[in-house]
Amino acid sequence: MNFPLYIAKRYLFSKSSNNTINIITGIATLGVIIGTLALFIVLSGFSGLRSFSVGFLNTADPDIKISSEKGKSFDFNTDIKTIVENQNGVASYSKVIEERAFFEYNEKTHIAYIKGIDAHYTNVNSIDTTVYVGTWLDAKIPSGVVIGNGISNKLSLGIFDFLEPLKIYVPKAGKGYITNPNNAFKKINTQPIGIFALVGELDSKFTFISLELAQELLSYTPEQISAIEIKVTNFKERTEIINQLKNKFGSQFKIETREQLNAVFYKMLNTENLASYLIFTLILIIALFNVIGAIIMMILDKRDNLKTLYSIGATMKEIKQVFILQGFMLSVFGLFVGLSIGISLVLLQKKYHLFMITQHLAYPVELTFLNIITVIITILVLGFLASKIASSRISKKLVE
């Protein structure tokens, strides 16, 4: 057996005659366990929040969005239709119109966006599943609209209110200054038939109307749209599909992924995750100072034994390795216990919902291999460095 490893195991698992050192070693071990547990729980929590938030984006945004590079609209002509319908890997597509509008209901106002959609929109996005009051758009109700929960709250607006319509205004196209405000806006009267709830920003941003109603409001032609939203058959082939579409459409069109459409959101998630990791790693470093202190106290306690080892031929390098291995094994033990508890808590949370955000919403957590590896590498590296720092206190003067 390796000599330094044998001595390190004896020192680690045997009690010291000095009870104070036993207490300090126990505190150091407990610090590593708690630090490991906290780091893993935080990373799992952020992974859960990420999956939870991205799930909303998957509901509201398409896999691919095609829009005009210049201007707000373009004509969905035969050439464009042929390209999209003949593109391999496209499961479904939808024509949409997006425009900022002014909403008025019972003397209350709000500025948001209208989103005109065709009958195929729910094949691309599953936003219709978020309607919690009323129903989704129905061709039998041509003036019907589905509003966000945030807009509903701001306008104190319900559904199927036949006494007062929801008025939607957009500026009329033209040049120069507005001379007569009464003639400056195009207006339509609509009937809210459903309310959807997804996330706060989207709930206050969009009102869904039929494509034809949006074209009427904006004075568009039947072929004029703002964008084409696409759902792909195989998500792994999305990059190749985008490259092929870019070659076919040319530089006049902008082709974006869901991640590009929400670049700020994804950047915020990554930044928060990194910041939390660094903060809890700093806390872990502070906890590992206990390991350094415990090893230094052990070195002082075993001074006579070290002199004996040195006298019978042990080198300074081997003596230092004893305490490097002791501190490293202490960190590994704390890592194993802390990670085991952390994994158990995450699995229990996923199955039994121990911690709740609201009465009906459990705090989301995600058990990922990446988080486990991140915690293992972090603890092992910091534990080794702590042991290395503590063992550097051993000198010839101490053992002679």
Protein backbone atom coordinates (compact mmCIF):
# COMPACT_ATOMS: atom_id res chain seq x y z
CA MET A 1 0.00 0.00 0.00
CA ASN A 2 1.12 3.54 -0.71
CA PHE A 3 2.84 4.81 2.47
CA PRO A 4 1.42 8.41 2.53
CA LEU A 5 -2.09 7.07 1.75
CA TYR A 6 -1.90 4.51 4.56
CA ILE A 7 -0.85 7.11 7.13
CA ALA A 8 -3.43 9.63 5.84
CA LYS A 9 -6.25 7.10 6.28
CA ARG A 10 -5.10 6.31 9.82
CA TYR A 11 -5.03 10.00 10.71
CA LEU A 12 -8.40 10.66 9.10
CA PHE A 13 -10.40 7.81 10.63
CA SER A 14 -8.74 7.61 14.05
CA LYS A 15 -9.68 10.02 16.81
CA SER A 16 -7.09 12.40 18.13
CA SER A 17 -6.21 12.44 21.82
CA ASN A 18 -7.00 16.15 21.69
CA ASN A 19 -10.78 16.50 21.67
CA THR A 20 -10.54 20.06 20.30
CA ILE A 21 -8.99 18.74 17.08
CA ASN A 22 -11.78 16.17 16.74
CA ILE A 23 -14.34 18.97 17.03
CA ILE A 24 -12.51 21.16 14.48
CA THR A 25 -12.27 18.22 12.03
CA GLY A 26 -15.99 17.51 12.48
CA ILE A 27 -16.86 21.16 11.81
CA ALA A 28 -14.65 21.15 8.70
CA THR A 29 -16.37 18.00 7.40
CA LEU A 30 -19.81 19.46 8.12
CA GLY A 31 -18.81 22.66 6.28
CA VAL A 32 -17.88 20.69 3.16
CA ILE A 33 -21.14 18.71 3.34
CA ILE A 34 -23.30 21.82 3.71
CA GLY A 35 -21.31 23.71 1.03
CA THR A 36 -21.68 20.82 -1.42
CA LEU A 37 -25.38 20.48 -0.66
CA ALA A 38 -26.02 24.23 -1.07
CA LEU A 39 -24.10 24.45 -4.36
CA PHE A 40 -25.89 21.46 -5.85
CA ILE A 41 -29.36 22.60 -4.72
CA VAL A 42 -28.81 26.08 -6.17
CA LEU A 43 -27.58 24.72 -9.52
CA SER A 44 -30.50 22.26 -9.67
CA GLY A 45 -32.93 25.07 -8.81
CA PHE A 46 -31.61 27.30 -11.57
CA SER A 47 -31.71 24.40 -14.03
CA GLY A 48 -35.34 23.87 -13.06
CA LEU A 49 -36.16 27.56 -13.46
CA ARG A 50 -34.42 27.58 -16.83
CA SER A 51 -36.42 24.59 -18.08
CA PHE A 52 -39.59 26.12 -16.62
CA SER A 53 -38.99 29.48 -18.33
CA VAL A 54 -37.84 27.99 -21.62
CA GLY A 55 -41.00 25.89 -21.64
CA PHE A 56 -43.01 29.12 -21.83
CA LEU A 57 -40.91 30.29 -24.78
CA ASN A 58 -41.43 26.96 -26.53
CA THR A 59 -45.17 27.54 -26.16
CA ALA A 60 -45.16 31.12 -27.44
CA ASP A 61 -42.37 31.25 -30.04
CA PRO A 62 -41.69 29.22 -33.18
CA ASP A 63 -38.65 27.10 -34.01
CA ILE A 64 -37.89 29.45 -36.93
CA LYS A 65 -39.21 32.89 -37.83
CA ILE A 66 -38.83 34.50 -41.26
CA SER A 67 -39.35 38.25 -41.61
CA SER A 68 -38.37 41.02 -43.98
CA GLU A 69 -34.92 42.55 -43.51
CA LYS A 70 -36.33 45.93 -44.54
CA GLY A 71 -39.79 47.17 -43.71
CA LYS A 72 -42.55 45.71 -41.57
CA SER A 73 -44.23 43.52 -44.17
CA PHE A 74 -43.80 41.57 -47.39
CA ASP A 75 -46.01 39.75 -49.88
CA PHE A 76 -46.47 36.02 -49.40
CA ASN A 77 -46.28 35.31 -53.11
CA THR A 78 -46.15 32.03 -55.03
CA ASP A 79 -42.33 31.86 -54.95
CA ILE A 80 -42.14 32.19 -51.16
CA LYS A 81 -44.97 29.72 -50.70
CA THR A 82 -43.19 27.18 -52.91
CA ILE A 83 -39.92 27.55 -51.00
CA VAL A 84 -41.55 27.02 -47.61
CA GLU A 85 -43.83 24.16 -48.63
CA ASN A 86 -41.07 22.28 -50.49
CA GLN A 87 -38.48 22.68 -47.73
CA ASN A 88 -37.55 19.35 -46.18
CA GLY A 89 -37.94 19.21 -42.41
CA VAL A 90 -40.79 21.73 -42.14
CA ALA A 91 -43.66 20.20 -40.18
CA SER A 92 -45.96 23.22 -40.40
CA TYR A 93 -45.91 26.96 -41.01
CA SER A 94 -48.14 29.93 -40.25
CA LYS A 95 -48.54 33.43 -41.68
CA VAL A 96 -48.64 36.16 -39.04
CA ILE A 97 -48.91 39.93 -38.72
CA GLU A 98 -47.50 41.84 -35.75
CA GLU A 99 -48.07 45.54 -35.13
CA ARG A 100 -48.14 47.92 -32.20
CA ALA A 101 -51.66 49.19 -31.45
CA PHE A 102 -53.68 51.32 -29.08
CA PHE A 103 -56.42 49.58 -27.06
CA GLU A 104 -59.44 51.26 -25.49
CA TYR A 105 -62.18 49.82 -23.31
CA ASN A 106 -64.58 51.78 -21.08
CA GLU A 107 -62.32 54.84 -21.14
CA LYS A 108 -59.30 52.77 -20.07
CA THR A 109 -56.37 52.56 -22.50
CA HIS A 110 -53.32 50.42 -23.07
CA ILE A 111 -50.61 50.15 -25.72
CA ALA A 112 -49.65 46.64 -26.79
CA TYR A 113 -49.29 44.49 -29.91
CA ILE A 114 -51.84 42.77 -32.09
CA LYS A 115 -50.83 39.46 -33.59
CA GLY A 116 -52.86 38.41 -36.59
CA ILE A 117 -52.66 34.65 -37.16
CA ASP A 118 -54.05 32.18 -39.66
CA ALA A 119 -55.77 28.86 -39.00
CA HIS A 120 -52.45 26.93 -38.95
CA TYR A 121 -50.93 28.93 -36.10
CA THR A 122 -51.76 26.38 -33.39
CA ASN A 123 -49.85 23.74 -35.39
CA VAL A 124 -46.71 25.85 -34.97
CA ASN A 125 -47.22 27.18 -31.42
CA SER A 126 -49.36 25.75 -28.64
CA ILE A 127 -50.38 29.13 -27.22
CA ASP A 128 -54.02 28.04 -27.42
CA THR A 129 -53.37 25.66 -24.52
CA THR A 130 -52.77 28.65 -22.22
CA VAL A 131 -56.33 30.00 -22.58
CA TYR A 132 -57.84 29.66 -19.11
CA VAL A 133 -61.07 31.64 -19.62
CA GLY A 134 -63.23 31.45 -22.75
CA THR A 135 -62.05 29.91 -25.99
CA TRP A 136 -59.44 30.28 -28.72
CA LEU A 137 -60.09 32.17 -31.96
CA ASP A 138 -63.09 30.87 -33.87
CA ALA A 139 -63.79 31.49 -37.55
CA LYS A 140 -67.48 31.73 -36.64
CA ILE A 141 -66.69 34.87 -34.61
CA PRO A 142 -64.70 36.99 -37.11
CA SER A 143 -64.35 39.96 -34.72
CA GLY A 144 -63.31 37.76 -31.79
CA VAL A 145 -59.93 38.30 -30.12
CA VAL A 146 -57.94 36.51 -27.41
CA ILE A 147 -56.26 38.88 -24.96
CA GLY A 148 -53.45 38.42 -22.48
CA ASN A 149 -54.18 38.26 -18.77
CA GLY A 150 -52.09 41.41 -18.21
CA ILE A 151 -54.12 43.39 -20.75
CA SER A 152 -57.33 42.08 -19.24
CA ASN A 153 -56.29 43.33 -15.80
CA LYS A 154 -55.15 46.74 -17.04
CA LEU A 155 -58.36 47.36 -18.96
CA SER A 156 -60.65 45.61 -16.42
CA LEU A 157 -61.86 43.59 -19.36
CA GLY A 158 -63.67 40.24 -19.36
CA ILE A 159 -65.00 38.11 -22.20
CA PHE A 160 -68.25 38.11 -24.16
CA ASP A 161 -69.18 41.62 -23.05
CA PHE A 162 -71.64 42.53 -25.81
CA LEU A 163 -72.41 45.97 -24.39
CA GLU A 164 -68.95 47.48 -24.88
CA PRO A 165 -66.49 46.40 -27.61
CA LEU A 166 -62.71 46.44 -27.29
CA LYS A 167 -61.54 49.18 -29.65
CA ILE A 168 -58.20 48.77 -31.39
CA TYR A 169 -56.49 51.70 -33.13
CA VAL A 170 -53.44 51.91 -35.40
CA PRO A 171 -52.09 54.99 -37.20
CA LYS A 172 -53.03 55.28 -40.85
CA ALA A 173 -50.19 55.02 -43.32
CA GLY A 174 -49.02 58.32 -44.73
CA LYS A 175 -46.36 61.01 -44.76
CA GLY A 176 -45.99 64.33 -43.03
CA TYR A 177 -47.55 65.72 -39.86
CA ILE A 178 -50.95 64.77 -38.49
CA THR A 179 -53.33 67.67 -39.12
CA ASN A 180 -56.57 66.05 -38.04
CA PRO A 181 -56.31 63.52 -35.15
CA ASN A 182 -59.81 62.23 -35.87
CA ASN A 183 -58.68 60.94 -39.26
CA ALA A 184 -55.21 59.81 -38.22
CA PHE A 185 -56.15 56.35 -36.91
CA LYS A 186 -57.83 53.26 -38.31
CA LYS A 187 -60.18 51.59 -35.81
CA ILE A 188 -61.90 48.25 -35.46
CA ASN A 189 -64.35 47.04 -32.81
CA THR A 190 -63.58 43.58 -31.45
CA GLN A 191 -65.13 41.09 -29.04
CA PRO A 192 -62.81 39.37 -26.51
CA ILE A 193 -63.68 35.67 -26.45
CA GLY A 194 -60.73 34.30 -24.50
CA ILE A 195 -57.97 35.22 -22.03
CA PHE A 196 -54.58 33.51 -22.01
CA ALA A 197 -51.99 33.48 -19.23
CA LEU A 198 -48.36 32.56 -19.87
CA VAL A 199 -45.75 34.97 -18.41
CA GLY A 200 -46.15 38.56 -17.31
CA GLU A 201 -44.40 40.15 -20.28
CA LEU A 202 -46.33 38.22 -22.93
CA ASP A 203 -49.62 38.57 -21.07
CA SER A 204 -49.33 42.36 -21.28
CA LYS A 205 -47.89 42.45 -24.79
CA PHE A 206 -50.06 40.47 -27.20
CA THR A 207 -53.67 40.28 -28.32
CA PHE A 208 -54.38 37.57 -30.89
CA ILE A 209 -56.76 38.30 -33.75
CA SER A 210 -57.45 36.64 -37.08
CA LEU A 211 -55.07 37.35 -39.97
CA GLU A 212 -57.90 38.79 -42.04
CA LEU A 213 -58.93 41.18 -39.26
CA ALA A 214 -55.33 42.35 -38.86
CA GLN A 215 -55.05 42.94 -42.61
CA GLU A 216 -58.25 44.96 -42.51
CA LEU A 217 -57.02 47.08 -39.59
CA LEU A 218 -53.64 47.77 -41.21
CA SER A 219 -55.05 48.17 -44.74
CA TYR A 220 -52.90 45.28 -45.96
CA THR A 221 -53.56 43.27 -49.10
CA PRO A 222 -54.63 39.60 -48.70
CA GLU A 223 -51.04 38.51 -49.50
CA GLN A 224 -49.32 41.03 -47.19
CA ILE A 225 -47.92 39.65 -43.90
CA SER A 226 -45.24 40.45 -41.31
CA ALA A 227 -43.61 37.06 -40.86
CA ILE A 228 -43.72 33.32 -41.42
CA GLU A 229 -43.41 31.12 -38.34
CA ILE A 230 -42.19 27.56 -38.81
CA LYS A 231 -42.21 24.36 -36.78
CA VAL A 232 -39.56 21.80 -37.76
CA THR A 233 -40.03 18.04 -37.81
CA ASN A 234 -36.69 17.26 -36.12
CA PHE A 235 -35.20 19.92 -33.86
CA LYS A 236 -31.69 18.52 -34.37
CA GLU A 237 -31.93 19.38 -38.09
CA ARG A 238 -32.99 22.99 -37.47
CA THR A 239 -29.56 24.50 -38.19
CA GLU A 240 -29.36 22.74 -41.56
CA ILE A 241 -32.90 23.85 -42.43
CA ILE A 242 -32.04 27.46 -41.60
CA ASN A 243 -28.94 27.35 -43.80
CA GLN A 244 -30.97 26.01 -46.70
CA LEU A 245 -33.67 28.65 -46.23
CA LYS A 246 -31.09 31.44 -46.11
CA ASN A 247 -29.67 30.29 -49.42
CA LYS A 248 -33.15 30.22 -50.99
CA PHE A 249 -34.50 33.47 -49.52
CA GLY A 250 -31.34 35.54 -49.89
CA SER A 251 -30.33 38.66 -48.01
CA GLN A 252 -33.74 40.34 -48.23
CA PHE A 253 -35.15 38.16 -45.44
CA LYS A 254 -34.16 37.67 -41.83
CA ILE A 255 -34.31 34.10 -40.47
CA GLU A 256 -34.14 33.76 -36.69
CA THR A 257 -34.33 30.94 -34.16
CA ARG A 258 -36.31 30.97 -30.93
CA GLU A 259 -33.09 31.65 -29.02
CA GLN A 260 -32.25 34.63 -31.23
CA LEU A 261 -35.74 36.05 -30.78
CA ASN A 262 -35.22 35.90 -27.00
CA ALA A 263 -31.48 36.61 -26.87
CA VAL A 264 -31.76 38.99 -23.89
CA PHE A 265 -33.78 36.46 -21.90
CA TYR A 266 -31.29 33.64 -22.50
CA LYS A 267 -28.38 35.94 -21.68
CA MET A 268 -30.08 36.91 -18.42
CA LEU A 269 -30.62 33.25 -17.47
CA ASN A 270 -26.98 32.38 -18.18
CA THR A 271 -25.71 35.41 -16.26
CA GLU A 272 -27.86 34.63 -13.22
CA ASN A 273 -26.75 31.00 -13.26
CA LEU A 274 -23.07 31.97 -13.44
CA ALA A 275 -23.44 34.62 -10.73
CA SER A 276 -25.14 32.15 -8.37
CA TYR A 277 -22.44 29.54 -9.03
CA LEU A 278 -19.67 32.04 -8.26
CA ILE A 279 -21.39 33.31 -5.09
CA PHE A 280 -21.90 29.82 -3.66
CA THR A 281 -18.41 28.77 -4.72
CA LEU A 282 -17.10 31.72 -2.70
CA ILE A 283 -19.13 30.50 0.28
CA LEU A 284 -17.66 27.05 -0.28
CA ILE A 285 -14.13 28.48 -0.32
CA ILE A 286 -14.81 30.12 3.04
CA ALA A 287 -16.07 26.78 4.36
CA LEU A 288 -12.90 25.06 3.14
CA PHE A 289 -10.82 27.37 5.34
CA ASN A 290 -12.05 25.07 8.09
CA VAL A 291 -10.35 22.20 6.27
CA ILE A 292 -7.11 24.16 6.19
CA GLY A 293 -7.41 24.91 9.90
CA ALA A 294 -8.21 21.29 10.73
CA ILE A 295 -5.19 19.97 8.83
CA ILE A 296 -2.84 22.54 10.36
CA MET A 297 -4.09 21.58 13.85
CA MET A 298 -3.56 17.91 12.96
CA ILE A 299 -0.01 18.68 11.82
CA LEU A 300 0.76 20.35 15.13
CA ASP A 301 -0.87 17.53 17.08
CA LYS A 302 1.13 14.85 15.19
CA ARG A 303 4.45 16.71 15.39
CA ASP A 304 6.13 13.94 17.42
CA ASN A 305 4.87 11.28 15.00
CA LEU A 306 6.16 13.29 12.06
CA LYS A 307 9.62 13.49 13.66
CA THR A 308 9.57 9.72 14.03
CA LEU A 309 8.54 9.22 10.39
CA TYR A 310 11.27 11.58 9.26
CA SER A 311 13.84 9.80 11.38
CA ILE A 312 13.04 6.37 9.92
CA GLY A 313 13.46 7.64 6.35
CA ALA A 314 10.22 9.35 5.23
CA THR A 315 10.94 12.29 2.94
CA MET A 316 9.49 15.77 3.33
CA LYS A 317 7.51 15.19 0.14
CA GLU A 318 5.93 12.03 1.56
CA ILE A 319 5.06 13.71 4.85
CA LYS A 320 3.37 16.56 2.98
CA GLN A 321 1.53 14.03 0.83
CA VAL A 322 0.09 12.49 4.00
CA PHE A 323 -1.77 15.67 4.87
CA ILE A 324 -2.62 16.51 1.26
CA LEU A 325 -4.33 13.14 0.98
CA GLN A 326 -5.96 13.52 4.40
CA GLY A 327 -7.51 16.87 3.44
CA PHE A 328 -8.46 15.56 0.00
CA MET A 329 -10.17 12.48 1.46
CA LEU A 330 -12.00 14.68 3.96
CA SER A 331 -13.28 16.79 1.03
CA VAL A 332 -14.27 13.65 -0.91
CA PHE A 333 -16.19 12.33 2.10
CA GLY A 334 -18.01 15.66 2.49
CA LEU A 335 -18.67 15.71 -1.27
CA PHE A 336 -20.16 12.20 -1.25
CA VAL A 337 -22.45 12.88 1.72
CA GLY A 338 -23.52 16.36 0.57
CA LEU A 339 -24.14 15.27 -3.01
CA SER A 340 -26.11 12.20 -1.88
CA ILE A 341 -28.36 14.37 0.30
CA GLY A 342 -28.71 16.92 -2.53
CA ILE A 343 -29.69 14.34 -5.15
CA SER A 344 -32.19 12.79 -2.71
CA LEU A 345 -33.79 16.19 -2.01
CA VAL A 346 -34.05 17.01 -5.72
CA LEU A 347 -35.69 13.66 -6.48
CA LEU A 348 -38.09 14.08 -3.56
CA GLN A 349 -38.97 17.61 -4.73
CA LYS A 350 -39.68 16.40 -8.26
CA LYS A 351 -41.90 13.56 -7.01
CA TYR A 352 -43.58 14.93 -3.89
CA HIS A 353 -43.37 18.74 -4.35
CA LEU A 354 -42.00 19.48 -0.88
CA PHE A 355 -41.44 23.18 -1.57
CA MET A 356 -44.12 25.27 -3.27
CA ILE A 357 -43.99 28.69 -4.94
CA THR A 358 -47.76 29.01 -4.89
CA GLN A 359 -50.50 26.70 -3.72
CA HIS A 360 -50.55 24.90 -7.06
CA LEU A 361 -47.01 25.48 -8.36
CA ALA A 362 -44.05 23.52 -7.00
CA TYR A 363 -40.58 25.03 -7.10
CA PRO A 364 -39.02 23.63 -10.29
CA VAL A 365 -35.79 21.64 -9.99
CA GLU A 366 -33.84 19.66 -12.55
CA LEU A 367 -31.44 16.77 -11.91
CA THR A 368 -28.75 17.02 -14.60
CA PHE A 369 -25.46 15.22 -15.15
CA LEU A 370 -23.77 18.57 -15.85
CA ASN A 371 -24.67 19.91 -12.39
CA ILE A 372 -23.34 16.77 -10.71
CA ILE A 373 -20.06 16.97 -12.62
CA THR A 374 -19.77 20.72 -11.90
CA VAL A 375 -20.16 20.16 -8.15
CA ILE A 376 -17.72 17.22 -8.13
CA ILE A 377 -15.01 19.12 -10.01
CA THR A 378 -15.51 22.27 -7.88
CA ILE A 379 -15.23 20.40 -4.55
CA LEU A 380 -12.29 18.24 -5.63
CA VAL A 381 -10.29 21.18 -6.98
CA LEU A 382 -10.97 23.42 -3.99
CA GLY A 383 -10.40 20.55 -1.54
CA PHE A 384 -7.05 19.73 -3.13
CA LEU A 385 -5.97 23.37 -3.06
CA ALA A 386 -6.98 23.69 0.60
CA SER A 387 -4.99 20.56 1.47
CA LYS A 388 -2.02 21.81 -0.52
CA ILE A 389 -2.05 25.15 1.30
CA ALA A 390 -2.27 23.46 4.72
CA SER A 391 0.51 20.95 4.00
CA SER A 392 2.82 23.76 2.89
CA ARG A 393 3.15 24.65 6.60
CA ILE A 394 5.30 21.55 7.10
CA SER A 395 9.02 22.37 7.12
CA LYS A 396 12.23 20.63 8.13
CA LYS A 397 12.33 22.73 11.27
CA LEU A 398 9.03 21.17 12.34
CA VAL A 399 10.19 17.52 12.00
CA GLU A 400 13.80 17.78 13.06
